[in-house]
């Protein structure tokens, strides 16, 4: 099976880069998407250089806004080519330090905190409502992403980038893909992995509030169980930031669901980059998957996508490799599973008390 070729346009510093092979990697659990482009730069043409601005589109759909990261020209015995790596604008939210007069903001939610510390103008988008935090103090040298990520976990949220190169904070999957995936229809290959590594029962969150002297202010604790573990296997996690009741409960439930999402995954290769409705396969979107050989018959959520296209004669054409897990692992609801037992995910309800 071969998918329809996408029309790839890579504009780097005003140069429309010729290419032979493109691979784009996007994840719901990472703040920076990347692309690797291999092709021939014509003689006499200056290539894009590191830190040049770049956009990448596929048949008119924007997939990456950012910068050239690496340039690797390579002269072999019979051929000359260049490999160019591209990164999202959000790379600066991950790698650079916040510059702020006080390093402190008060009475803002996670989006407001991000905007207050976004001295580079990267941009913050959010889906859902978030708790107002009394105060937040950054650590010297801390990046925008590293100060927001613990706050996101306390809100049972994830942070990833957008095609426009902004940070996006989400509490649940963004939508559902059309058409679904099925063995013998549009799946090229499928595999699954089930592991007990990283799963705990119970997950215990401990922290401290900045104000008050009561036991619940000084020694709060929240606990979430994962009955699928089947034995006592405790894990204590210290909460970064303000240990409010909702943050403690959210963090305990999130840790249990996220562990399940890491332990149980499917990897599916499909033809083409788009679903039945023409939307490119997108992390943090759901899709129904039916494949009896990996015991899977339920709604899944896409954790990451690798889009590849090769125009060489012996290449595989246009393919998408999807890594998927149960929607509850990324904040979604029950999948209504008809799958095998190994695909079950916890739906923990955490309690909150003083130690």
C-alpha atoms as a PDB file:
ATOM      1  CA  UNK A   1       0.000   0.000   0.000  1.00  0.00           C
ATOM      2  CA  UNK A   2       1.236   3.470  -0.862  1.00  0.00           C
ATOM      3  CA  UNK A   3      -0.314   6.762   0.234  1.00  0.00           C
ATOM      4  CA  UNK A   4      -0.924   9.824  -1.902  1.00  0.00           C
ATOM      5  CA  UNK A   5       2.131  12.034  -2.064  1.00  0.00           C
ATOM      6  CA  UNK A   6       1.948  15.260  -0.085  1.00  0.00           C
ATOM      7  CA  UNK A   7       3.195  18.462  -1.681  1.00  0.00           C
ATOM      8  CA  UNK A   8       5.897  19.469   0.786  1.00  0.00           C
ATOM      9  CA  UNK A   9       6.976  23.116   0.876  1.00  0.00           C
ATOM     10  CA  UNK A  10       9.954  24.035   3.054  1.00  0.00           C
ATOM     11  CA  UNK A  11      10.649  27.755   3.156  1.00  0.00           C
ATOM     12  CA  UNK A  12      13.905  28.474   4.974  1.00  0.00           C
ATOM     13  CA  UNK A  13      15.123  32.078   4.955  1.00  0.00           C
ATOM     14  CA  UNK A  14      13.181  32.675   1.750  1.00  0.00           C
ATOM     15  CA  UNK A  15      14.689  29.605   0.055  1.00  0.00           C
ATOM     16  CA  UNK A  16      12.296  26.874  -1.061  1.00  0.00           C
ATOM     17  CA  UNK A  17      14.456  23.889  -0.230  1.00  0.00           C
ATOM     18  CA  UNK A  18      14.580  20.931  -2.671  1.00  0.00           C
ATOM     19  CA  UNK A  19      14.220  17.611  -0.846  1.00  0.00           C
ATOM     20  CA  UNK A  20      14.086  13.849  -1.367  1.00  0.00           C
ATOM     21  CA  UNK A  21      13.116  12.594   2.076  1.00  0.00           C
ATOM     22  CA  UNK A  22      11.183  14.268   4.910  1.00  0.00           C
ATOM     23  CA  UNK A  23      10.501  12.949   8.411  1.00  0.00           C
ATOM     24  CA  UNK A  24       8.445  15.007  10.886  1.00  0.00           C
ATOM     25  CA  UNK A  25       8.114  14.040  14.560  1.00  0.00           C
ATOM     26  CA  UNK A  26       5.310  15.509  16.713  1.00  0.00           C
ATOM     27  CA  UNK A  27       4.347  14.450  20.243  1.00  0.00           C
ATOM     28  CA  UNK A  28       1.607  15.333  22.720  1.00  0.00           C
ATOM     29  CA  UNK A  29       4.172  14.843  25.478  1.00  0.00           C
ATOM     30  CA  UNK A  30       6.951  17.059  24.114  1.00  0.00           C
ATOM     31  CA  UNK A  31       7.156  20.814  23.683  1.00  0.00           C
ATOM     32  CA  UNK A  32       9.257  20.815  20.489  1.00  0.00           C
ATOM     33  CA  UNK A  33       8.415  19.143  17.179  1.00  0.00           C
ATOM     34  CA  UNK A  34      11.232  18.400  14.752  1.00  0.00           C
ATOM     35  CA  UNK A  35      11.743  17.599  11.085  1.00  0.00           C
ATOM     36  CA  UNK A  36      14.667  16.061   9.231  1.00  0.00           C
ATOM     37  CA  UNK A  37      14.994  16.894   5.532  1.00  0.00           C
ATOM     38  CA  UNK A  38      17.442  15.246   3.131  1.00  0.00           C
ATOM     39  CA  UNK A  39      17.987  16.589  -0.350  1.00  0.00           C
ATOM     40  CA  UNK A  40      20.281  18.182  -2.894  1.00  0.00           C
ATOM     41  CA  UNK A  41      21.085  21.877  -2.740  1.00  0.00           C
ATOM     42  CA  UNK A  42      21.841  22.978  -6.324  1.00  0.00           C
ATOM     43  CA  UNK A  43      25.397  24.163  -7.055  1.00  0.00           C
ATOM     44  CA  UNK A  44      25.834  27.879  -6.466  1.00  0.00           C
ATOM     45  CA  UNK A  45      22.800  28.030  -4.154  1.00  0.00           C
ATOM     46  CA  UNK A  46      23.457  28.996  -0.545  1.00  0.00           C
ATOM     47  CA  UNK A  47      21.809  26.478   1.805  1.00  0.00           C
ATOM     48  CA  UNK A  48      19.714  27.436   4.827  1.00  0.00           C
ATOM     49  CA  UNK A  49      21.974  27.964   7.829  1.00  0.00           C
ATOM     50  CA  UNK A  50      21.320  27.214  11.525  1.00  0.00           C
ATOM     51  CA  UNK A  51      18.899  29.688  13.155  1.00  0.00           C
ATOM     52  CA  UNK A  52      17.340  30.749   9.844  1.00  0.00           C
ATOM     53  CA  UNK A  53      13.552  31.002  10.172  1.00  0.00           C
ATOM     54  CA  UNK A  54      11.614  28.180   8.527  1.00  0.00           C
ATOM     55  CA  UNK A  55       8.094  26.931   7.826  1.00  0.00           C
ATOM     56  CA  UNK A  56       7.065  23.499   6.573  1.00  0.00           C
ATOM     57  CA  UNK A  57       3.695  22.803   4.956  1.00  0.00           C
ATOM     58  CA  UNK A  58       2.144  19.649   3.485  1.00  0.00           C
ATOM     59  CA  UNK A  59      -0.357  20.273   0.672  1.00  0.00           C
ATOM     60  CA  UNK A  60      -1.145  23.640   2.224  1.00  0.00           C
ATOM     61  CA  UNK A  61      -1.361  22.404   5.844  1.00  0.00           C
ATOM     62  CA  UNK A  62       1.127  24.130   8.140  1.00  0.00           C
ATOM     63  CA  UNK A  63       3.057  21.525  10.162  1.00  0.00           C
ATOM     64  CA  UNK A  64       6.045  23.403  11.618  1.00  0.00           C
ATOM     65  CA  UNK A  65       7.073  26.993  12.308  1.00  0.00           C
ATOM     66  CA  UNK A  66      10.537  27.490  13.686  1.00  0.00           C
ATOM     67  CA  UNK A  67      14.201  27.460  12.824  1.00  0.00           C
ATOM     68  CA  UNK A  68      16.893  25.534  11.029  1.00  0.00           C
ATOM     69  CA  UNK A  69      18.715  23.628  13.752  1.00  0.00           C
ATOM     70  CA  UNK A  70      21.491  21.712  11.979  1.00  0.00           C
ATOM     71  CA  UNK A  71      23.058  21.609   8.520  1.00  0.00           C
ATOM     72  CA  UNK A  72      25.091  18.536   7.546  1.00  0.00           C
ATOM     73  CA  UNK A  73      26.419  18.563   3.970  1.00  0.00           C
ATOM     74  CA  UNK A  74      27.813  15.213   2.882  1.00  0.00           C
ATOM     75  CA  UNK A  75      29.930  14.446  -0.182  1.00  0.00           C
ATOM     76  CA  UNK A  76      30.082  10.712  -0.961  1.00  0.00           C
ATOM     77  CA  UNK A  77      31.880   8.887  -3.792  1.00  0.00           C
ATOM     78  CA  UNK A  78      28.882   9.058  -6.111  1.00  0.00           C
ATOM     79  CA  UNK A  79      26.533  11.582  -4.590  1.00  0.00           C
ATOM     80  CA  UNK A  80      26.246  14.851  -2.712  1.00  0.00           C
ATOM     81  CA  UNK A  81      23.436  15.700  -0.349  1.00  0.00           C
ATOM     82  CA  UNK A  82      22.599  17.777   2.696  1.00  0.00           C
ATOM     83  CA  UNK A  83      20.628  16.801   5.783  1.00  0.00           C
ATOM     84  CA  UNK A  84      18.869  19.675   7.511  1.00  0.00           C
ATOM     85  CA  UNK A  85      17.119  19.480  10.889  1.00  0.00           C
ATOM     86  CA  UNK A  86      14.264  21.849  11.700  1.00  0.00           C
ATOM     87  CA  UNK A  87      12.808  22.655  15.137  1.00  0.00           C
ATOM     88  CA  UNK A  88       9.720  24.440  16.415  1.00  0.00           C
ATOM     89  CA  UNK A  89       9.940  28.018  17.753  1.00  0.00           C
ATOM     90  CA  UNK A  90       9.190  26.494  21.158  1.00  0.00           C
ATOM     91  CA  UNK A  91      12.774  25.257  21.341  1.00  0.00           C
ATOM     92  CA  UNK A  92      13.532  28.598  22.982  1.00  0.00           C
ATOM     93  CA  UNK A  93      10.899  27.938  25.652  1.00  0.00           C
ATOM     94  CA  UNK A  94      12.777  24.749  26.549  1.00  0.00           C
ATOM     95  CA  UNK A  95      16.427  25.784  26.224  1.00  0.00           C
ATOM     96  CA  UNK A  96      16.652  29.449  27.220  1.00  0.00           C
ATOM     97  CA  UNK A  97      16.273  31.110  30.613  1.00  0.00           C
ATOM     98  CA  UNK A  98      13.448  33.382  31.701  1.00  0.00           C
ATOM     99  CA  UNK A  99      14.416  37.051  32.076  1.00  0.00           C
ATOM    100  CA  UNK A 100      12.087  38.718  34.578  1.00  0.00           C
ATOM    101  CA  UNK A 101      12.678  41.566  37.030  1.00  0.00           C
ATOM    102  CA  UNK A 102      11.388  39.739  40.105  1.00  0.00           C
ATOM    103  CA  UNK A 103      10.919  36.142  38.941  1.00  0.00           C
ATOM    104  CA  UNK A 104       7.601  36.166  40.797  1.00  0.00           C
ATOM    105  CA  UNK A 105       3.953  36.498  39.805  1.00  0.00           C
ATOM    106  CA  UNK A 106       0.829  36.397  41.952  1.00  0.00           C
ATOM    107  CA  UNK A 107      -2.818  35.398  41.506  1.00  0.00           C
ATOM    108  CA  UNK A 108      -2.563  33.987  37.999  1.00  0.00           C
ATOM    109  CA  UNK A 109      -3.446  30.630  36.455  1.00  0.00           C
ATOM    110  CA  UNK A 110      -0.914  28.571  34.503  1.00  0.00           C
ATOM    111  CA  UNK A 111      -1.652  30.411  31.248  1.00  0.00           C
ATOM    112  CA  UNK A 112      -1.234  33.775  32.952  1.00  0.00           C
ATOM    113  CA  UNK A 113       2.021  32.641  34.563  1.00  0.00           C
ATOM    114  CA  UNK A 114       3.294  31.515  31.180  1.00  0.00           C
ATOM    115  CA  UNK A 115       2.385  34.831  29.575  1.00  0.00           C
ATOM    116  CA  UNK A 116       4.044  36.781  32.401  1.00  0.00           C
ATOM    117  CA  UNK A 117       7.315  34.904  31.928  1.00  0.00           C
ATOM    118  CA  UNK A 118       7.203  34.684  28.111  1.00  0.00           C
ATOM    119  CA  UNK A 119       9.825  37.360  27.558  1.00  0.00           C
ATOM    120  CA  UNK A 120      10.612  35.989  24.070  1.00  0.00           C
ATOM    121  CA  UNK A 121       7.051  36.271  22.744  1.00  0.00           C
ATOM    122  CA  UNK A 122       6.695  32.566  21.973  1.00  0.00           C
ATOM    123  CA  UNK A 123       2.976  32.537  22.768  1.00  0.00           C
ATOM    124  CA  UNK A 124       0.835  30.483  25.166  1.00  0.00           C
ATOM    125  CA  UNK A 125      -2.483  28.855  24.261  1.00  0.00           C
ATOM    126  CA  UNK A 126      -4.679  26.841  26.622  1.00  0.00           C
ATOM    127  CA  UNK A 127      -7.727  24.585  26.504  1.00  0.00           C
ATOM    128  CA  UNK A 128      -9.903  24.398  29.611  1.00  0.00           C
ATOM    129  CA  UNK A 129     -10.012  26.237  32.925  1.00  0.00           C
ATOM    130  CA  UNK A 130      -7.196  26.285  35.478  1.00  0.00           C
ATOM    131  CA  UNK A 131      -6.848  27.136  39.151  1.00  0.00           C
ATOM    132  CA  UNK A 132      -5.548  30.565  40.166  1.00  0.00           C
ATOM    133  CA  UNK A 133      -2.202  30.202  41.946  1.00  0.00           C
ATOM    134  CA  UNK A 134      -1.499  32.609  44.825  1.00  0.00           C
ATOM    135  CA  UNK A 135       2.166  33.011  43.943  1.00  0.00           C
ATOM    136  CA  UNK A 136       4.755  31.431  41.702  1.00  0.00           C
ATOM    137  CA  UNK A 137       8.506  32.005  41.965  1.00  0.00           C
ATOM    138  CA  UNK A 138      10.904  30.800  39.278  1.00  0.00           C
ATOM    139  CA  UNK A 139      14.292  29.270  39.992  1.00  0.00           C
ATOM    140  CA  UNK A 140      17.309  31.238  38.685  1.00  0.00           C
ATOM    141  CA  UNK A 141      18.121  30.129  35.144  1.00  0.00           C
ATOM    142  CA  UNK A 142      14.845  28.246  34.750  1.00  0.00           C
ATOM    143  CA  UNK A 143      13.260  27.945  31.293  1.00  0.00           C
ATOM    144  CA  UNK A 144       9.656  28.788  30.493  1.00  0.00           C
ATOM    145  CA  UNK A 145       8.816  25.130  29.889  1.00  0.00           C
ATOM    146  CA  UNK A 146      10.532  23.890  33.051  1.00  0.00           C
ATOM    147  CA  UNK A 147       8.589  26.344  35.222  1.00  0.00           C
ATOM    148  CA  UNK A 148       5.241  25.473  33.583  1.00  0.00           C
ATOM    149  CA  UNK A 149       5.575  21.691  33.342  1.00  0.00           C
ATOM    150  CA  UNK A 150       5.173  20.942  37.096  1.00  0.00           C
ATOM    151  CA  UNK A 151       2.177  23.293  37.185  1.00  0.00           C
ATOM    152  CA  UNK A 152       0.646  21.404  34.277  1.00  0.00           C
ATOM    153  CA  UNK A 153       1.038  18.073  36.065  1.00  0.00           C
ATOM    154  CA  UNK A 154      -0.682  19.563  39.097  1.00  0.00           C
ATOM    155  CA  UNK A 155      -3.574  20.513  36.810  1.00  0.00           C
ATOM    156  CA  UNK A 156      -3.657  17.070  35.124  1.00  0.00           C
ATOM    157  CA  UNK A 157      -2.643  18.779  31.884  1.00  0.00           C
ATOM    158  CA  UNK A 158      -0.030  18.316  29.172  1.00  0.00           C
ATOM    159  CA  UNK A 159       2.086  20.861  27.300  1.00  0.00           C
ATOM    160  CA  UNK A 160       3.006  20.506  23.641  1.00  0.00           C
ATOM    161  CA  UNK A 161       3.642  22.834  20.734  1.00  0.00           C
ATOM    162  CA  UNK A 162       1.431  23.948  17.870  1.00  0.00           C
ATOM    163  CA  UNK A 163       2.122  24.127  14.143  1.00  0.00           C
ATOM    164  CA  UNK A 164       2.520  27.882  14.603  1.00  0.00           C
ATOM    165  CA  UNK A 165       5.307  27.311  17.139  1.00  0.00           C
ATOM    166  CA  UNK A 166       3.418  28.222  20.321  1.00  0.00           C
ATOM    167  CA  UNK A 167       3.076  26.351  23.618  1.00  0.00           C
ATOM    168  CA  UNK A 168      -0.313  24.683  24.097  1.00  0.00           C
ATOM    169  CA  UNK A 169      -1.686  23.538  27.471  1.00  0.00           C
ATOM    170  CA  UNK A 170      -4.463  20.928  27.306  1.00  0.00           C
ATOM    171  CA  UNK A 171      -6.434  18.896  29.832  1.00  0.00           C
ATOM    172  CA  UNK A 172      -8.046  16.438  27.423  1.00  0.00           C
ATOM    173  CA  UNK A 173      -7.817  15.176  23.819  1.00  0.00           C
ATOM    174  CA  UNK A 174      -8.484  17.831  21.220  1.00  0.00           C
ATOM    175  CA  UNK A 175     -10.892  15.851  19.005  1.00  0.00           C
ATOM    176  CA  UNK A 176     -11.554  12.582  17.191  1.00  0.00           C
ATOM    177  CA  UNK A 177     -10.185  11.572  13.792  1.00  0.00           C
ATOM    178  CA  UNK A 178     -12.558  10.481  11.042  1.00  0.00           C
ATOM    179  CA  UNK A 179     -12.729   6.961   9.658  1.00  0.00           C
ATOM    180  CA  UNK A 180     -10.770   5.002  12.234  1.00  0.00           C
ATOM    181  CA  UNK A 181      -8.007   2.432  11.699  1.00  0.00           C
ATOM    182  CA  UNK A 182      -8.597  -1.233  10.937  1.00  0.00           C
ATOM    183  CA  UNK A 183      -6.530  -4.299  10.069  1.00  0.00           C
ATOM    184  CA  UNK A 184      -6.756  -5.110   6.358  1.00  0.00           C
ATOM    185  CA  UNK A 185      -8.126  -1.669   5.514  1.00  0.00           C
ATOM    186  CA  UNK A 186      -5.619   1.123   6.135  1.00  0.00           C
ATOM    187  CA  UNK A 187      -3.094  -0.371   8.586  1.00  0.00           C
ATOM    188  CA  UNK A 188       0.251  -1.413   7.099  1.00  0.00           C
ATOM    189  CA  UNK A 189       1.632  -2.918  10.311  1.00  0.00           C
ATOM    190  CA  UNK A 190       0.800  -2.967  14.015  1.00  0.00           C
ATOM    191  CA  UNK A 191       2.540  -3.909  17.226  1.00  0.00           C
ATOM    192  CA  UNK A 192       1.823  -3.526  20.931  1.00  0.00           C
ATOM    193  CA  UNK A 193       3.817  -3.455  24.135  1.00  0.00           C
ATOM    194  CA  UNK A 194       2.525  -4.266  27.611  1.00  0.00           C
ATOM    195  CA  UNK A 195       4.720  -3.682  30.648  1.00  0.00           C
ATOM    196  CA  UNK A 196       4.438  -3.466  34.400  1.00  0.00           C
ATOM    197  CA  UNK A 197       7.443  -1.158  34.627  1.00  0.00           C
ATOM    198  CA  UNK A 198       6.654   2.301  35.954  1.00  0.00           C
ATOM    199  CA  UNK A 199       3.199   1.384  37.330  1.00  0.00           C
ATOM    200  CA  UNK A 200       2.538   1.738  41.057  1.00  0.00           C
ATOM    201  CA  UNK A 201      -0.191   1.093  43.580  1.00  0.00           C
ATOM    202  CA  UNK A 202      -0.759   3.427  45.323  1.00  0.00           C
ATOM    203  CA  UNK A 203       0.734   6.653  43.943  1.00  0.00           C
ATOM    204  CA  UNK A 204       1.186   9.098  46.826  1.00  0.00           C
ATOM    205  CA  UNK A 205       1.637  12.841  46.328  1.00  0.00           C
ATOM    206  CA  UNK A 206       3.110  14.936  49.135  1.00  0.00           C
ATOM    207  CA  UNK A 207       3.767  18.664  49.262  1.00  0.00           C
ATOM    208  CA  UNK A 208       3.395  21.848  51.272  1.00  0.00           C
ATOM    209  CA  UNK A 209       1.415  25.056  51.082  1.00  0.00           C
ATOM    210  CA  UNK A 210       3.128  28.438  51.335  1.00  0.00           C
ATOM    211  CA  UNK A 211       0.605  29.740  53.862  1.00  0.00           C
ATOM    212  CA  UNK A 212      -0.843  28.285  57.050  1.00  0.00           C
ATOM    213  CA  UNK A 213       0.326  26.082  59.888  1.00  0.00           C
ATOM    214  CA  UNK A 214      -2.385  23.414  59.935  1.00  0.00           C
ATOM    215  CA  UNK A 215      -1.489  19.778  59.187  1.00  0.00           C
ATOM    216  CA  UNK A 216      -3.210  20.088  55.799  1.00  0.00           C
ATOM    217  CA  UNK A 217      -1.026  23.111  54.976  1.00  0.00           C
ATOM    218  CA  UNK A 218       2.242  21.597  56.197  1.00  0.00           C
ATOM    219  CA  UNK A 219       1.779  17.861  55.505  1.00  0.00           C
ATOM    220  CA  UNK A 220      -0.915  17.346  52.855  1.00  0.00           C
ATOM    221  CA  UNK A 221      -1.083  14.026  51.064  1.00  0.00           C
ATOM    222  CA  UNK A 222      -3.120  12.654  48.186  1.00  0.00           C
ATOM    223  CA  UNK A 223      -3.310   9.018  47.131  1.00  0.00           C
ATOM    224  CA  UNK A 224      -4.514   7.262  43.955  1.00  0.00           C
ATOM    225  CA  UNK A 225      -4.768   3.505  43.375  1.00  0.00           C
ATOM    226  CA  UNK A 226      -4.205   1.463  40.238  1.00  0.00           C
ATOM    227  CA  UNK A 227      -5.934  -1.900  40.798  1.00  0.00           C
ATOM    228  CA  UNK A 228      -4.435  -3.308  37.594  1.00  0.00           C
ATOM    229  CA  UNK A 229      -1.061  -3.585  39.392  1.00  0.00           C
ATOM    230  CA  UNK A 230      -2.553  -6.260  41.640  1.00  0.00           C
ATOM    231  CA  UNK A 231      -0.188  -5.824  44.589  1.00  0.00           C
ATOM    232  CA  UNK A 232       1.126  -3.248  47.020  1.00  0.00           C
ATOM    233  CA  UNK A 233       3.708  -1.199  45.070  1.00  0.00           C
ATOM    234  CA  UNK A 234       3.803   2.320  46.551  1.00  0.00           C
ATOM    235  CA  UNK A 235       5.423   5.365  44.954  1.00  0.00           C
ATOM    236  CA  UNK A 236       5.842   8.780  46.659  1.00  0.00           C
ATOM    237  CA  UNK A 237       6.109  11.885  44.462  1.00  0.00           C
ATOM    238  CA  UNK A 238       6.818  15.355  45.882  1.00  0.00           C
ATOM    239  CA  UNK A 239       4.644  18.026  44.296  1.00  0.00           C
ATOM    240  CA  UNK A 240       6.392  21.109  42.935  1.00  0.00           C
ATOM    241  CA  UNK A 241       4.432  24.255  43.650  1.00  0.00           C
ATOM    242  CA  UNK A 242       1.431  25.069  45.828  1.00  0.00           C
ATOM    243  CA  UNK A 243      -0.073  21.936  47.402  1.00  0.00           C
ATOM    244  CA  UNK A 244      -3.753  22.853  47.238  1.00  0.00           C
ATOM    245  CA  UNK A 245      -6.370  20.110  47.567  1.00  0.00           C
ATOM    246  CA  UNK A 246      -7.224  20.179  43.863  1.00  0.00           C
ATOM    247  CA  UNK A 247      -3.568  20.205  42.791  1.00  0.00           C
ATOM    248  CA  UNK A 248      -2.785  17.254  45.056  1.00  0.00           C
ATOM    249  CA  UNK A 249      -5.731  15.207  43.783  1.00  0.00           C
ATOM    250  CA  UNK A 250      -5.066  16.096  40.142  1.00  0.00           C
ATOM    251  CA  UNK A 251      -1.385  15.182  40.466  1.00  0.00           C
ATOM    252  CA  UNK A 252      -2.096  11.791  42.065  1.00  0.00           C
ATOM    253  CA  UNK A 253      -4.674  10.857  39.446  1.00  0.00           C
ATOM    254  CA  UNK A 254      -2.467  12.159  36.631  1.00  0.00           C
ATOM    255  CA  UNK A 255       0.596  10.213  37.776  1.00  0.00           C
ATOM    256  CA  UNK A 256      -1.419   6.975  37.878  1.00  0.00           C
ATOM    257  CA  UNK A 257      -2.947   7.522  34.430  1.00  0.00           C
ATOM    258  CA  UNK A 258       0.321   8.689  32.870  1.00  0.00           C
ATOM    259  CA  UNK A 259       2.144   5.605  34.188  1.00  0.00           C
ATOM    260  CA  UNK A 260      -0.465   3.396  32.540  1.00  0.00           C
ATOM    261  CA  UNK A 261       0.002   5.308  29.292  1.00  0.00           C
ATOM    262  CA  UNK A 262       3.744   4.700  29.367  1.00  0.00           C
ATOM    263  CA  UNK A 263       3.346   0.998  30.153  1.00  0.00           C
ATOM    264  CA  UNK A 264       0.813   0.088  27.445  1.00  0.00           C
ATOM    265  CA  UNK A 265       1.202   1.320  23.868  1.00  0.00           C
ATOM    266  CA  UNK A 266       0.392   0.427  20.293  1.00  0.00           C
ATOM    267  CA  UNK A 267       2.516   1.404  17.290  1.00  0.00           C
ATOM    268  CA  UNK A 268       0.622   1.484  14.013  1.00  0.00           C
ATOM    269  CA  UNK A 269       1.902   2.347  10.540  1.00  0.00           C
ATOM    270  CA  UNK A 270      -0.682   3.659   8.081  1.00  0.00           C
ATOM    271  CA  UNK A 271      -0.603   4.812   4.480  1.00  0.00           C
ATOM    272  CA  UNK A 272      -0.733   8.562   4.015  1.00  0.00           C
ATOM    273  CA  UNK A 273      -0.630  11.415   6.482  1.00  0.00           C
ATOM    274  CA  UNK A 274      -4.373  12.053   6.750  1.00  0.00           C
ATOM    275  CA  UNK A 275      -7.546  10.522   8.129  1.00  0.00           C
ATOM    276  CA  UNK A 276     -10.717   9.852   6.134  1.00  0.00           C
ATOM    277  CA  UNK A 277     -11.737  13.492   6.520  1.00  0.00           C
ATOM    278  CA  UNK A 278      -8.431  14.869   5.244  1.00  0.00           C
ATOM    279  CA  UNK A 279      -6.987  15.972   8.597  1.00  0.00           C
ATOM    280  CA  UNK A 280      -3.331  15.165   9.213  1.00  0.00           C
ATOM    281  CA  UNK A 281      -2.804  12.626  12.007  1.00  0.00           C
ATOM    282  CA  UNK A 282      -2.474  14.740  15.155  1.00  0.00           C
ATOM    283  CA  UNK A 283      -1.127  13.994  18.647  1.00  0.00           C
ATOM    284  CA  UNK A 284      -3.672  14.291  21.470  1.00  0.00           C
ATOM    285  CA  UNK A 285      -6.484  13.406  19.066  1.00  0.00           C
ATOM    286  CA  UNK A 286      -8.469  10.188  19.388  1.00  0.00           C
ATOM    287  CA  UNK A 287      -9.034   7.483  16.771  1.00  0.00           C
ATOM    288  CA  UNK A 288     -10.901   4.186  16.891  1.00  0.00           C
ATOM    289  CA  UNK A 289      -8.593   1.218  16.262  1.00  0.00           C
ATOM    290  CA  UNK A 290      -9.611  -2.365  15.476  1.00  0.00           C
ATOM    291  CA  UNK A 291      -6.846  -4.963  15.146  1.00  0.00           C
ATOM    292  CA  UNK A 292      -7.489  -8.446  16.601  1.00  0.00           C
ATOM    293  CA  UNK A 293      -3.841  -9.563  16.365  1.00  0.00           C
ATOM    294  CA  UNK A 294      -2.847  -7.013  19.011  1.00  0.00           C
ATOM    295  CA  UNK A 295      -6.095  -7.529  20.972  1.00  0.00           C
ATOM    296  CA  UNK A 296      -7.257  -3.988  20.254  1.00  0.00           C
ATOM    297  CA  UNK A 297     -10.847  -2.852  19.626  1.00  0.00           C
ATOM    298  CA  UNK A 298     -11.467   0.561  21.195  1.00  0.00           C
ATOM    299  CA  UNK A 299     -10.974   4.300  21.003  1.00  0.00           C
ATOM    300  CA  UNK A 300      -7.314   5.274  21.421  1.00  0.00           C
ATOM    301  CA  UNK A 301      -5.469   8.571  21.761  1.00  0.00           C
ATOM    302  CA  UNK A 302      -2.415   9.424  19.647  1.00  0.00           C
ATOM    303  CA  UNK A 303       0.638  10.129  21.789  1.00  0.00           C
ATOM    304  CA  UNK A 304       3.037  10.868  18.951  1.00  0.00           C
ATOM    305  CA  UNK A 305       3.210  10.912  15.166  1.00  0.00           C
ATOM    306  CA  UNK A 306       6.078  10.441  12.761  1.00  0.00           C
ATOM    307  CA  UNK A 307       5.240  11.531   9.218  1.00  0.00           C
ATOM    308  CA  UNK A 308       7.619  10.394   6.477  1.00  0.00           C
ATOM    309  CA  UNK A 309       7.713  10.796   2.719  1.00  0.00           C
ATOM    310  CA  UNK A 310      10.337   9.501   0.327  1.00  0.00           C
ATOM    311  CA  UNK A 311      10.349  10.366  -3.371  1.00  0.00           C
ATOM    312  CA  UNK A 312      13.155   7.920  -4.230  1.00  0.00           C
ATOM    313  CA  UNK A 313      12.134   5.075  -6.504  1.00  0.00           C
ATOM    314  CA  UNK A 314      12.682   2.386  -3.883  1.00  0.00           C
ATOM    315  CA  UNK A 315      11.219   4.412  -0.998  1.00  0.00           C
ATOM    316  CA  UNK A 316       8.062   3.603   0.974  1.00  0.00           C
ATOM    317  CA  UNK A 317       6.179   6.656  -0.250  1.00  0.00           C
ATOM    318  CA  UNK A 318       4.021   8.500   2.257  1.00  0.00           C
ATOM    319  CA  UNK A 319       3.558   6.850   5.654  1.00  0.00           C
ATOM    320  CA  UNK A 320       2.536   7.832   9.186  1.00  0.00           C
ATOM    321  CA  UNK A 321       3.702   5.970  12.283  1.00  0.00           C
ATOM    322  CA  UNK A 322       1.321   6.497  15.198  1.00  0.00           C
ATOM    323  CA  UNK A 323       2.041   5.706  18.839  1.00  0.00           C
ATOM    324  CA  UNK A 324      -1.247   5.287  20.720  1.00  0.00           C
ATOM    325  CA  UNK A 325      -2.531   4.555  24.205  1.00  0.00           C
ATOM    326  CA  UNK A 326      -5.823   4.517  26.125  1.00  0.00           C
ATOM    327  CA  UNK A 327      -7.421   8.016  26.111  1.00  0.00           C
ATOM    328  CA  UNK A 328      -7.548   8.082  29.921  1.00  0.00           C
ATOM    329  CA  UNK A 329      -3.754   8.286  29.957  1.00  0.00           C
ATOM    330  CA  UNK A 330      -3.948  11.806  28.452  1.00  0.00           C
ATOM    331  CA  UNK A 331      -7.018  13.048  30.284  1.00  0.00           C
ATOM    332  CA  UNK A 332      -9.721  11.512  28.099  1.00  0.00           C
ATOM    333  CA  UNK A 333     -12.714   9.471  29.214  1.00  0.00           C
ATOM    334  CA  UNK A 334     -13.310   5.711  29.217  1.00  0.00           C
ATOM    335  CA  UNK A 335     -12.702   4.158  25.818  1.00  0.00           C
ATOM    336  CA  UNK A 336     -15.654   1.766  25.912  1.00  0.00           C
ATOM    337  CA  UNK A 337     -13.132  -0.983  25.368  1.00  0.00           C
ATOM    338  CA  UNK A 338     -13.796  -4.293  23.656  1.00  0.00           C
ATOM    339  CA  UNK A 339     -10.065  -4.975  23.786  1.00  0.00           C
ATOM    340  CA  UNK A 340      -8.074  -7.592  25.642  1.00  0.00           C
ATOM    341  CA  UNK A 341      -7.462  -7.232  29.377  1.00  0.00           C
ATOM    342  CA  UNK A 342      -3.994  -5.729  28.952  1.00  0.00           C
ATOM    343  CA  UNK A 343      -5.391  -2.528  27.442  1.00  0.00           C
ATOM    344  CA  UNK A 344      -7.334  -1.513  30.556  1.00  0.00           C
ATOM    345  CA  UNK A 345      -6.348   1.825  32.121  1.00  0.00           C
ATOM    346  CA  UNK A 346      -7.065   3.109  35.630  1.00  0.00           C
ATOM    347  CA  UNK A 347      -9.708   5.712  36.417  1.00  0.00           C
ATOM    348  CA  UNK A 348      -8.376   6.699  39.853  1.00  0.00           C
ATOM    349  CA  UNK A 349     -10.211   8.937  42.289  1.00  0.00           C
ATOM    350  CA  UNK A 350      -7.639  10.389  44.653  1.00  0.00           C
ATOM    351  CA  UNK A 351      -8.286  11.243  48.294  1.00  0.00           C
ATOM    352  CA  UNK A 352      -6.750  14.186  50.160  1.00  0.00           C
ATOM    353  CA  UNK A 353      -5.685  14.342  53.790  1.00  0.00           C
ATOM    354  CA  UNK A 354      -2.934  15.345  56.192  1.00  0.00           C
ATOM    355  CA  UNK A 355      -0.127  12.852  56.836  1.00  0.00           C
END
